[in-house]
C-alpha atoms as a PDB file:
ATOM      1  CA  MET A   1     -12.895  -2.275  -5.411  1.00  0.00           C
ATOM      2  CA  THR A   2     -10.443  -3.771  -4.102  1.00  0.00           C
ATOM      3  CA  GLU A   3      -6.653  -4.229  -4.826  1.00  0.00           C
ATOM      4  CA  THR A   4      -3.839  -6.125  -3.950  1.00  0.00           C
ATOM      5  CA  ILE A   5      -0.125  -4.561  -4.382  1.00  0.00           C
ATOM      6  CA  LYS A   6       3.260  -6.672  -3.094  1.00  0.00           C
ATOM      7  CA  ILE A   7       5.710  -4.734  -1.553  1.00  0.00           C
ATOM      8  CA  GLU A   8       9.376  -5.663  -1.375  1.00  0.00           C
ATOM      9  CA  GLY A   9      11.598  -4.148   1.211  1.00  0.00           C
ATOM     10  CA  MET A  10       9.385  -4.075   4.442  1.00  0.00           C
ATOM     11  CA  GLY A  11      10.808  -5.934   7.446  1.00  0.00           C
ATOM     12  CA  CYS A  12       9.419  -4.927  10.999  1.00  0.00           C
ATOM     13  CA  GLY A  13       6.272  -3.458  12.110  1.00  0.00           C
ATOM     14  CA  GLY A  14       7.316   0.133  11.553  1.00  0.00           C
ATOM     15  CA  CYS A  15       7.203  -0.342   8.185  1.00  0.00           C
ATOM     16  CA  VAL A  16       3.885  -2.057   7.964  1.00  0.00           C
ATOM     17  CA  ALA A  17       2.925   1.163   9.791  1.00  0.00           C
ATOM     18  CA  THR A  18       4.377   3.353   7.086  1.00  0.00           C
ATOM     19  CA  VAL A  19       2.808   1.636   4.288  1.00  0.00           C
ATOM     20  CA  THR A  20       0.184   1.638   6.048  1.00  0.00           C
ATOM     21  CA  LYS A  21      -0.415   5.241   7.135  1.00  0.00           C
ATOM     22  CA  ALA A  22       0.522   6.529   3.314  1.00  0.00           C
ATOM     23  CA  LEU A  23      -1.698   4.543   2.071  1.00  0.00           C
ATOM     24  CA  SER A  24      -4.508   5.981   4.412  1.00  0.00           C
ATOM     25  CA  ALA A  25      -3.016   9.299   3.285  1.00  0.00           C
ATOM     26  CA  VAL A  26      -4.568   9.163  -0.549  1.00  0.00           C
ATOM     27  CA  PRO A  27      -7.805  10.346  -1.336  1.00  0.00           C
ATOM     28  CA  GLY A  28     -10.242   7.615  -2.232  1.00  0.00           C
ATOM     29  CA  ILE A  29      -8.341   4.374  -0.134  1.00  0.00           C
ATOM     30  CA  SER A  30      -9.751   3.227   2.758  1.00  0.00           C
ATOM     31  CA  ASP A  31      -9.614  -0.258   4.514  1.00  0.00           C
ATOM     32  CA  VAL A  32      -5.853  -0.673   4.284  1.00  0.00           C
ATOM     33  CA  ASP A  33      -4.021  -3.919   5.448  1.00  0.00           C
ATOM     34  CA  VAL A  34      -0.886  -4.447   5.185  1.00  0.00           C
ATOM     35  CA  SER A  35       0.787  -7.747   5.711  1.00  0.00           C
ATOM     36  CA  LEU A  36       4.424  -8.310   6.748  1.00  0.00           C
ATOM     37  CA  GLU A  37       4.229 -12.011   6.176  1.00  0.00           C
ATOM     38  CA  LYS A  38       2.492 -11.757   2.859  1.00  0.00           C
ATOM     39  CA  HIS A  39       4.953  -8.865   1.383  1.00  0.00           C
ATOM     40  CA  GLU A  40       1.808  -7.209   0.228  1.00  0.00           C
ATOM     41  CA  ALA A  41      -1.244  -4.189   1.245  1.00  0.00           C
ATOM     42  CA  ARG A  42      -5.071  -4.510   0.035  1.00  0.00           C
ATOM     43  CA  PHE A  43      -7.178  -1.672  -0.048  1.00  0.00           C
ATOM     44  CA  ALA A  44     -10.078  -0.636  -1.415  1.00  0.00           C
ATOM     45  CA  LEU A  45     -10.177   2.399  -3.452  1.00  0.00           C
ATOM     46  CA  ASP A  46     -13.071   4.656  -5.585  1.00  0.00           C
ATOM     47  CA  ALA A  47     -11.947   4.075  -8.911  1.00  0.00           C
ATOM     48  CA  PRO A  48      -9.328   1.847 -10.888  1.00  0.00           C
ATOM     49  CA  ALA A  49      -7.327   4.875 -12.079  1.00  0.00           C
ATOM     50  CA  MET A  50      -6.031   4.922  -8.149  1.00  0.00           C
ATOM     51  CA  ARG A  51      -3.681   1.881  -8.214  1.00  0.00           C
ATOM     52  CA  GLU A  52      -1.188   4.399  -9.800  1.00  0.00           C
ATOM     53  CA  GLN A  53      -1.607   6.673  -6.595  1.00  0.00           C
ATOM     54  CA  ALA A  54      -1.232   3.911  -4.100  1.00  0.00           C
ATOM     55  CA  VAL A  55       1.676   3.049  -5.721  1.00  0.00           C
ATOM     56  CA  LYS A  56       3.757   6.252  -5.759  1.00  0.00           C
ATOM     57  CA  ALA A  57       2.616   6.682  -2.155  1.00  0.00           C
ATOM     58  CA  VAL A  58       4.212   3.273  -1.267  1.00  0.00           C
ATOM     59  CA  GLU A  59       7.283   4.028  -3.440  1.00  0.00           C
ATOM     60  CA  ASP A  60       7.459   7.382  -1.724  1.00  0.00           C
ATOM     61  CA  SER A  61       7.800   5.481   1.648  1.00  0.00           C
ATOM     62  CA  GLY A  62      10.980   3.375   0.620  1.00  0.00           C
ATOM     63  CA  TYR A  63       9.364   0.736  -0.434  1.00  0.00           C
ATOM     64  CA  ASP A  64       9.349  -1.113  -3.809  1.00  0.00           C
ATOM     65  CA  VAL A  65       6.205  -1.922  -5.760  1.00  0.00           C
ATOM     66  CA  LYS A  66       6.208  -5.490  -7.662  1.00  0.00           C
ATOM     67  CA  GLY A  67       3.184  -6.436 -10.271  1.00  0.00           C
END
């Protein structure tokens, strides 16, 4: 299952690296692709309930998730 979340507050490659690292650290999330241009992250997850964990990881890194 693939999920896409919109992220506000990213402004550079360092932000992309931070979000990628945060999402990749969540067990059950893989194939993380963060786009600075689209202000979004796409990733595979093992279960729909893991979306909440992904959002928390991004927000704990200092960014806002929209939608």
